[in-house]
Amino acid sequence: MTTSAFSFAVTETSPTSDTFDRLAAVIESRRPAEGGDPDRSYVARLFHKGPDGFLKKIGEEATEVVMACKDADHGAGREKIVNEVADLWFHCMVALAHYGLSPRDVAAELARREGMSGIEEKALRKAEAREAAGD
């Protein structure tokens, strides 16, 4: 029997999916094709800078998540972890939008992995990569 490190269900009406759907809609509305103005919108500015801009922010935010976790290990407040993860997820959502994807795509992938151990999932990805490479 395999176990998952997490258990969840993102449904059409869950507060989590509603929040991500609303934020994704705002991000989409800030795209240049939708009239997003980089002088008036941070998201539009990220789109204007292109992948180099928002990917750099993802790297910075990921590092800040790590630092917040390490700080929490030494007595700092855990709320900083939540704040930094929110920043990271936000910038990841900008990247998703840029590449024509949505939080629902990520939720579907996580749902696909549900019930599969992380070790099995990683082994499956490696086997698929070897097969694709013709090994």
Protein backbone atom coordinates (compact mmCIF):
# COMPACT_ATOMS: atom_id res chain seq x y z
CA MET A 1 0.00 0.00 0.00
CA THR A 2 1.36 3.41 -0.89
CA THR A 3 0.82 6.55 1.05
CA SER A 4 0.92 10.13 -0.02
CA ALA A 5 2.71 12.90 1.81
CA PHE A 6 -0.45 14.93 1.39
CA SER A 7 -4.14 14.46 1.02
CA PHE A 8 -6.36 17.04 -0.57
CA ALA A 9 -9.13 17.63 -3.00
CA VAL A 10 -9.47 20.84 -4.93
CA THR A 11 -13.05 20.97 -6.06
CA GLU A 12 -15.00 23.46 -8.10
CA THR A 13 -16.30 25.10 -4.93
CA SER A 14 -13.39 24.87 -2.51
CA PRO A 15 -12.21 28.16 -0.98
CA THR A 16 -8.70 27.34 -2.14
CA SER A 17 -9.66 26.88 -5.78
CA ASP A 18 -11.88 29.99 -5.63
CA THR A 19 -8.95 32.07 -4.36
CA PHE A 20 -6.58 30.72 -6.99
CA ASP A 21 -9.18 31.11 -9.74
CA ARG A 22 -9.83 34.75 -8.80
CA LEU A 23 -6.12 35.54 -8.63
CA ALA A 24 -5.49 33.76 -11.93
CA ALA A 25 -8.23 35.87 -13.54
CA VAL A 26 -6.64 39.08 -12.24
CA ILE A 27 -3.23 37.97 -13.51
CA GLU A 28 -4.73 37.15 -16.93
CA SER A 29 -6.37 40.59 -17.05
CA ARG A 30 -2.94 42.22 -16.65
CA ARG A 31 -1.44 40.57 -19.74
CA PRO A 32 -0.31 43.03 -22.43
CA ALA A 33 -2.92 41.59 -24.84
CA GLU A 34 -5.61 42.48 -22.28
CA GLY A 35 -4.34 46.05 -21.92
CA GLY A 36 -2.16 45.52 -18.86
CA ASP A 37 -0.22 48.73 -18.20
CA PRO A 38 3.27 48.22 -16.74
CA ASP A 39 3.16 51.74 -15.29
CA ARG A 40 0.04 50.93 -13.27
CA SER A 41 0.28 47.22 -12.49
CA TYR A 42 3.03 45.11 -10.93
CA VAL A 43 1.77 42.03 -12.78
CA ALA A 44 1.75 43.90 -16.09
CA ARG A 45 5.31 45.02 -15.33
CA LEU A 46 6.34 41.39 -14.76
CA PHE A 47 4.76 40.37 -18.07
CA HIS A 48 6.48 43.33 -19.77
CA LYS A 49 9.89 42.21 -18.44
CA GLY A 50 9.25 38.73 -19.80
CA PRO A 51 10.42 35.41 -18.43
CA ASP A 52 13.77 36.72 -17.23
CA GLY A 53 11.97 39.15 -14.92
CA PHE A 54 9.44 36.82 -13.31
CA LEU A 55 11.77 33.82 -13.25
CA LYS A 56 14.31 35.88 -11.33
CA LYS A 57 11.55 36.76 -8.85
CA ILE A 58 10.64 33.08 -8.48
CA GLY A 59 14.26 32.30 -7.61
CA GLU A 60 14.39 35.16 -5.09
CA GLU A 61 11.11 34.15 -3.48
CA ALA A 62 12.12 30.48 -3.28
CA THR A 63 15.28 31.52 -1.46
CA GLU A 64 13.22 33.68 0.90
CA VAL A 65 10.99 30.66 1.68
CA VAL A 66 14.07 28.64 2.57
CA MET A 67 15.39 31.46 4.77
CA ALA A 68 12.03 31.89 6.53
CA CYS A 69 11.91 28.16 7.28
CA LYS A 70 15.45 28.19 8.61
CA ASP A 71 14.60 31.23 10.75
CA ALA A 72 11.53 29.41 12.10
CA ASP A 73 13.80 26.52 13.09
CA HIS A 74 15.61 29.03 15.29
CA GLY A 75 12.58 30.57 16.94
CA ALA A 76 11.34 33.14 14.42
CA GLY A 77 7.61 33.36 13.71
CA ARG A 78 6.15 30.83 11.30
CA GLU A 79 3.89 33.48 9.75
CA LYS A 80 6.87 34.64 7.69
CA ILE A 81 6.89 31.23 6.01
CA VAL A 82 3.28 31.76 4.95
CA ASN A 83 4.05 35.26 3.65
CA GLU A 84 7.05 34.08 1.64
CA VAL A 85 5.23 31.05 0.23
CA ALA A 86 2.38 33.35 -0.83
CA ASP A 87 4.92 35.53 -2.68
CA LEU A 88 6.44 32.46 -4.32
CA TRP A 89 3.08 31.03 -5.37
CA PHE A 90 2.00 34.40 -6.74
CA HIS A 91 5.07 34.69 -8.96
CA CYS A 92 4.67 31.06 -10.03
CA MET A 93 1.11 31.91 -11.06
CA VAL A 94 2.47 34.70 -13.27
CA ALA A 95 4.79 32.13 -14.88
CA LEU A 96 1.89 29.72 -15.36
CA ALA A 97 -0.16 32.42 -17.07
CA HIS A 98 2.74 33.38 -19.31
CA TYR A 99 2.99 29.79 -20.51
CA GLY A 100 -0.76 29.39 -20.99
CA LEU A 101 -1.28 27.31 -17.85
CA SER A 102 -3.33 27.76 -14.71
CA PRO A 103 -3.40 26.71 -11.06
CA ARG A 104 -5.95 24.07 -12.08
CA ASP A 105 -3.28 22.44 -14.24
CA VAL A 106 -1.03 22.16 -11.18
CA ALA A 107 -3.92 20.88 -9.05
CA ALA A 108 -4.66 18.23 -11.71
CA GLU A 109 -1.04 17.08 -11.65
CA LEU A 110 -1.04 16.89 -7.85
CA ALA A 111 -4.31 14.95 -7.98
CA ARG A 112 -2.74 12.57 -10.49
CA ARG A 113 0.08 11.94 -8.01
CA GLU A 114 -2.24 11.51 -5.03
CA GLY A 115 -1.88 8.11 -3.45
CA MET A 116 1.50 7.50 -5.09
CA SER A 117 4.56 7.60 -2.89
CA GLY A 118 7.10 10.25 -3.74
CA ILE A 119 9.71 7.56 -4.28
CA GLU A 120 7.46 5.74 -6.77
CA GLU A 121 6.54 8.98 -8.53
CA LYS A 122 10.19 9.97 -8.96
CA ALA A 123 11.11 6.49 -10.24
CA LEU A 124 8.23 6.66 -12.73
CA ARG A 125 9.42 10.05 -14.03
CA LYS A 126 12.97 8.70 -14.44
CA ALA A 127 11.71 5.63 -16.31
CA GLU A 128 9.57 7.81 -18.59
CA ALA A 129 12.54 10.08 -19.30
CA ARG A 130 14.74 7.06 -20.16
CA GLU A 131 12.04 5.71 -22.44
CA ALA A 132 11.63 9.07 -24.18
CA ALA A 133 15.40 9.24 -24.70
CA GLY A 134 15.38 5.77 -26.27
CA ASP A 135 17.48 4.11 -23.57
